[in-house]
Amino acid sequence: MWTLLAEDSRRLQSFHMSCQRQILGVKWREHVKNSDIAAITSLPNVNDITAKRRLALFGHVMRLDANTPVHQILKQAVYVKSGHRPNA
């Protein structure tokens, strides 16, 4: 998992919309709003998709055995993010 910057999010959303426009055969000259395209396709926003998948990955890692290195690293990261000093 990488940190998703606002610029990355904007670019992903732009790509997502361009793919939807291409699938629907909407040309850029037609000046169709993104909200209209989203209403036609009924697809969720890219930010919602990435947030849902990140939470799913978080859940999978948390259900791993407590001795698994990935589980220990995630617990340590949560501990540090909550304002505590990291353990040795």
N, C-alpha and C. Protein backbone atom coordinates (compact mmCIF):
# COMPACT_ATOMS: atom_id res chain seq x y z
N MET A 1 0.85 -1.18 0.00
CA MET A 1 0.00 0.00 0.00
C MET A 1 0.89 1.24 0.00
N TRP A 2 0.57 2.14 -0.85
CA TRP A 2 1.30 3.40 -0.90
C TRP A 2 0.37 4.52 -0.46
N THR A 3 0.96 5.63 -0.13
CA THR A 3 0.18 6.79 0.25
C THR A 3 -0.43 7.38 -1.01
N LEU A 4 -1.75 7.51 -1.00
CA LEU A 4 -2.46 8.05 -2.15
C LEU A 4 -2.56 9.56 -1.98
N LEU A 5 -1.78 10.28 -2.77
CA LEU A 5 -1.79 11.73 -2.71
C LEU A 5 -3.01 12.28 -3.44
N ALA A 6 -3.34 13.54 -3.18
CA ALA A 6 -4.49 14.16 -3.83
C ALA A 6 -4.31 14.17 -5.34
N GLU A 7 -3.10 14.41 -5.81
CA GLU A 7 -2.82 14.42 -7.24
C GLU A 7 -3.02 13.02 -7.84
N ASP A 8 -2.58 11.99 -7.12
CA ASP A 8 -2.78 10.62 -7.59
C ASP A 8 -4.26 10.30 -7.67
N SER A 9 -4.99 10.70 -6.66
CA SER A 9 -6.43 10.47 -6.63
C SER A 9 -7.13 11.17 -7.79
N ARG A 10 -6.72 12.39 -8.05
CA ARG A 10 -7.31 13.15 -9.16
C ARG A 10 -7.02 12.47 -10.50
N ARG A 11 -5.80 12.00 -10.67
CA ARG A 11 -5.44 11.33 -11.92
C ARG A 11 -6.18 10.00 -12.10
N LEU A 12 -6.32 9.25 -11.01
CA LEU A 12 -7.08 8.01 -11.08
C LEU A 12 -8.53 8.27 -11.46
N GLN A 13 -9.12 9.28 -10.84
CA GLN A 13 -10.51 9.63 -11.14
C GLN A 13 -10.64 10.07 -12.60
N SER A 14 -9.69 10.84 -13.08
CA SER A 14 -9.70 11.29 -14.47
C SER A 14 -9.62 10.11 -15.43
N PHE A 15 -8.73 9.17 -15.14
CA PHE A 15 -8.60 7.98 -15.98
C PHE A 15 -9.88 7.16 -15.94
N HIS A 16 -10.47 7.00 -14.76
CA HIS A 16 -11.70 6.25 -14.59
C HIS A 16 -12.83 6.86 -15.44
N MET A 17 -12.93 8.18 -15.41
CA MET A 17 -13.97 8.86 -16.20
C MET A 17 -13.69 8.74 -17.70
N SER A 18 -12.43 8.83 -18.09
CA SER A 18 -12.12 8.72 -19.52
C SER A 18 -12.44 7.32 -20.03
N CYS A 19 -12.20 6.31 -19.21
CA CYS A 19 -12.55 4.93 -19.60
C CYS A 19 -14.06 4.78 -19.76
N GLN A 20 -14.81 5.36 -18.82
CA GLN A 20 -16.27 5.29 -18.92
C GLN A 20 -16.77 6.00 -20.17
N ARG A 21 -16.19 7.15 -20.47
CA ARG A 21 -16.58 7.89 -21.68
C ARG A 21 -16.26 7.08 -22.93
N GLN A 22 -15.12 6.43 -22.94
CA GLN A 22 -14.73 5.63 -24.10
C GLN A 22 -15.68 4.45 -24.28
N ILE A 23 -16.04 3.80 -23.18
CA ILE A 23 -16.96 2.66 -23.25
C ILE A 23 -18.32 3.11 -23.78
N LEU A 24 -18.78 4.28 -23.33
CA LEU A 24 -20.08 4.79 -23.77
C LEU A 24 -20.02 5.44 -25.15
N GLY A 25 -18.82 5.68 -25.66
CA GLY A 25 -18.68 6.31 -26.97
C GLY A 25 -18.92 7.81 -26.94
N VAL A 26 -18.71 8.43 -25.78
CA VAL A 26 -18.91 9.88 -25.63
C VAL A 26 -17.61 10.59 -25.99
N LYS A 27 -17.67 11.48 -26.94
CA LYS A 27 -16.50 12.24 -27.37
C LYS A 27 -16.33 13.48 -26.49
N TRP A 28 -15.11 13.99 -26.39
CA TRP A 28 -14.86 15.17 -25.55
C TRP A 28 -15.55 16.40 -26.10
N ARG A 29 -15.82 16.43 -27.40
CA ARG A 29 -16.49 17.58 -28.01
C ARG A 29 -17.96 17.68 -27.62
N GLU A 30 -18.51 16.60 -27.09
CA GLU A 30 -19.94 16.58 -26.76
C GLU A 30 -20.25 17.29 -25.45
N HIS A 31 -19.25 17.60 -24.65
CA HIS A 31 -19.41 18.35 -23.39
C HIS A 31 -20.44 17.73 -22.46
N VAL A 32 -20.29 16.44 -22.20
CA VAL A 32 -21.17 15.74 -21.26
C VAL A 32 -20.50 15.80 -19.89
N LYS A 33 -21.25 16.19 -18.86
CA LYS A 33 -20.71 16.33 -17.52
C LYS A 33 -20.33 14.97 -16.93
N ASN A 34 -19.31 14.99 -16.07
CA ASN A 34 -18.90 13.76 -15.39
C ASN A 34 -20.03 13.18 -14.56
N SER A 35 -20.83 14.03 -13.93
CA SER A 35 -21.94 13.54 -13.11
C SER A 35 -22.97 12.81 -13.97
N ASP A 36 -23.16 13.26 -15.21
CA ASP A 36 -24.08 12.57 -16.12
C ASP A 36 -23.53 11.21 -16.53
N ILE A 37 -22.23 11.16 -16.79
CA ILE A 37 -21.58 9.89 -17.15
C ILE A 37 -21.68 8.91 -15.98
N ALA A 38 -21.41 9.39 -14.77
CA ALA A 38 -21.47 8.54 -13.59
C ALA A 38 -22.89 8.03 -13.35
N ALA A 39 -23.89 8.86 -13.62
CA ALA A 39 -25.28 8.44 -13.44
C ALA A 39 -25.65 7.36 -14.45
N ILE A 40 -25.13 7.46 -15.66
CA ILE A 40 -25.43 6.46 -16.69
C ILE A 40 -24.79 5.12 -16.36
N THR A 41 -23.52 5.15 -15.95
CA THR A 41 -22.79 3.89 -15.71
C THR A 41 -23.08 3.30 -14.34
N SER A 42 -23.50 4.11 -13.38
CA SER A 42 -23.78 3.66 -12.01
C SER A 42 -22.56 3.04 -11.33
N LEU A 43 -21.37 3.44 -11.76
CA LEU A 43 -20.15 2.93 -11.14
C LEU A 43 -19.77 3.82 -9.96
N PRO A 44 -19.19 3.22 -8.91
CA PRO A 44 -18.77 4.04 -7.77
C PRO A 44 -17.56 4.89 -8.11
N ASN A 45 -17.33 5.88 -7.29
CA ASN A 45 -16.19 6.78 -7.41
C ASN A 45 -14.91 5.98 -7.15
N VAL A 46 -13.82 6.33 -7.82
CA VAL A 46 -12.55 5.64 -7.64
C VAL A 46 -12.06 5.74 -6.20
N ASN A 47 -12.27 6.88 -5.57
CA ASN A 47 -11.85 7.04 -4.18
C ASN A 47 -12.60 6.09 -3.26
N ASP A 48 -13.86 5.84 -3.54
CA ASP A 48 -14.63 4.88 -2.75
C ASP A 48 -14.12 3.46 -2.96
N ILE A 49 -13.76 3.14 -4.19
CA ILE A 49 -13.23 1.80 -4.50
C ILE A 49 -11.91 1.57 -3.78
N THR A 50 -10.99 2.54 -3.86
CA THR A 50 -9.68 2.36 -3.21
C THR A 50 -9.82 2.31 -1.70
N ALA A 51 -10.71 3.12 -1.13
CA ALA A 51 -10.91 3.08 0.32
C ALA A 51 -11.45 1.73 0.75
N LYS A 52 -12.40 1.19 0.00
CA LYS A 52 -12.98 -0.12 0.33
C LYS A 52 -11.93 -1.22 0.25
N ARG A 53 -11.10 -1.17 -0.77
CA ARG A 53 -10.06 -2.21 -0.93
C ARG A 53 -8.98 -2.09 0.13
N ARG A 54 -8.65 -0.87 0.53
CA ARG A 54 -7.67 -0.70 1.61
C ARG A 54 -8.19 -1.26 2.92
N LEU A 55 -9.46 -0.98 3.20
CA LEU A 55 -10.06 -1.52 4.42
C LEU A 55 -10.13 -3.04 4.38
N ALA A 56 -10.40 -3.61 3.22
CA ALA A 56 -10.42 -5.06 3.08
C ALA A 56 -9.04 -5.65 3.36
N LEU A 57 -8.00 -5.03 2.81
CA LEU A 57 -6.64 -5.49 3.07
C LEU A 57 -6.29 -5.36 4.54
N PHE A 58 -6.69 -4.25 5.14
CA PHE A 58 -6.45 -4.05 6.58
C PHE A 58 -7.10 -5.17 7.38
N GLY A 59 -8.32 -5.52 7.03
CA GLY A 59 -9.02 -6.60 7.73
C GLY A 59 -8.32 -7.93 7.57
N HIS A 60 -7.83 -8.23 6.37
CA HIS A 60 -7.11 -9.48 6.14
C HIS A 60 -5.84 -9.55 6.99
N VAL A 61 -5.10 -8.45 7.03
CA VAL A 61 -3.85 -8.43 7.79
C VAL A 61 -4.14 -8.56 9.29
N MET A 62 -5.19 -7.90 9.75
CA MET A 62 -5.51 -7.97 11.18
C MET A 62 -5.95 -9.37 11.61
N ARG A 63 -6.51 -10.15 10.67
CA ARG A 63 -6.94 -11.51 11.01
C ARG A 63 -5.81 -12.53 10.93
N LEU A 64 -4.65 -12.10 10.47
CA LEU A 64 -3.50 -13.00 10.43
C LEU A 64 -3.06 -13.33 11.84
N ASP A 65 -2.26 -14.39 11.95
CA ASP A 65 -1.69 -14.78 13.23
C ASP A 65 -0.86 -13.62 13.79
N ALA A 66 -0.93 -13.43 15.10
CA ALA A 66 -0.23 -12.31 15.75
C ALA A 66 1.28 -12.39 15.58
N ASN A 67 1.83 -13.55 15.27
CA ASN A 67 3.28 -13.71 15.10
C ASN A 67 3.74 -13.41 13.67
N THR A 68 2.81 -13.18 12.78
CA THR A 68 3.16 -12.87 11.39
C THR A 68 3.80 -11.49 11.34
N PRO A 69 4.92 -11.35 10.64
CA PRO A 69 5.60 -10.04 10.59
C PRO A 69 4.71 -8.90 10.08
N VAL A 70 3.87 -9.17 9.09
CA VAL A 70 3.00 -8.12 8.56
C VAL A 70 2.01 -7.65 9.62
N HIS A 71 1.49 -8.58 10.38
CA HIS A 71 0.56 -8.24 11.46
C HIS A 71 1.25 -7.39 12.52
N GLN A 72 2.47 -7.77 12.88
CA GLN A 72 3.22 -7.02 13.89
C GLN A 72 3.55 -5.61 13.40
N ILE A 73 3.92 -5.48 12.14
CA ILE A 73 4.25 -4.16 11.58
C ILE A 73 3.01 -3.28 11.56
N LEU A 74 1.88 -3.83 11.18
CA LEU A 74 0.65 -3.04 11.14
C LEU A 74 0.25 -2.58 12.54
N LYS A 75 0.35 -3.47 13.52
CA LYS A 75 0.02 -3.08 14.89
C LYS A 75 0.96 -1.98 15.38
N GLN A 76 2.24 -2.09 15.03
CA GLN A 76 3.22 -1.08 15.42
C GLN A 76 2.90 0.27 14.76
N ALA A 77 2.51 0.23 13.49
CA ALA A 77 2.16 1.46 12.77
C ALA A 77 0.94 2.13 13.40
N VAL A 78 -0.05 1.36 13.75
CA VAL A 78 -1.24 1.91 14.41
C VAL A 78 -0.87 2.49 15.77
N TYR A 79 0.01 1.81 16.48
CA TYR A 79 0.46 2.26 17.79
C TYR A 79 1.18 3.61 17.69
N VAL A 80 2.04 3.74 16.69
CA VAL A 80 2.80 4.98 16.49
C VAL A 80 1.88 6.10 16.03
N LYS A 81 0.93 5.79 15.12
CA LYS A 81 0.00 6.80 14.64
C LYS A 81 -0.89 7.34 15.75
N SER A 82 -1.09 6.55 16.79
CA SER A 82 -1.93 6.99 17.90
C SER A 82 -1.15 7.86 18.89
N GLY A 83 0.10 8.18 18.56
CA GLY A 83 0.87 9.12 19.36
C GLY A 83 1.87 8.50 20.33
N HIS A 84 2.04 7.19 20.28
CA HIS A 84 3.00 6.52 21.17
C HIS A 84 4.36 6.40 20.50
N ARG A 85 5.35 6.17 21.30
CA ARG A 85 6.69 5.93 20.77
C ARG A 85 6.81 4.49 20.31
N PRO A 86 7.54 4.24 19.23
CA PRO A 86 7.65 2.85 18.73
C PRO A 86 8.43 1.98 19.70
N ASN A 87 8.05 0.70 19.74
CA ASN A 87 8.78 -0.28 20.56
C ASN A 87 10.08 -0.65 19.87
N ALA A 88 10.99 -1.19 20.61
CA ALA A 88 12.30 -1.58 20.06
C ALA A 88 12.15 -2.75 19.12
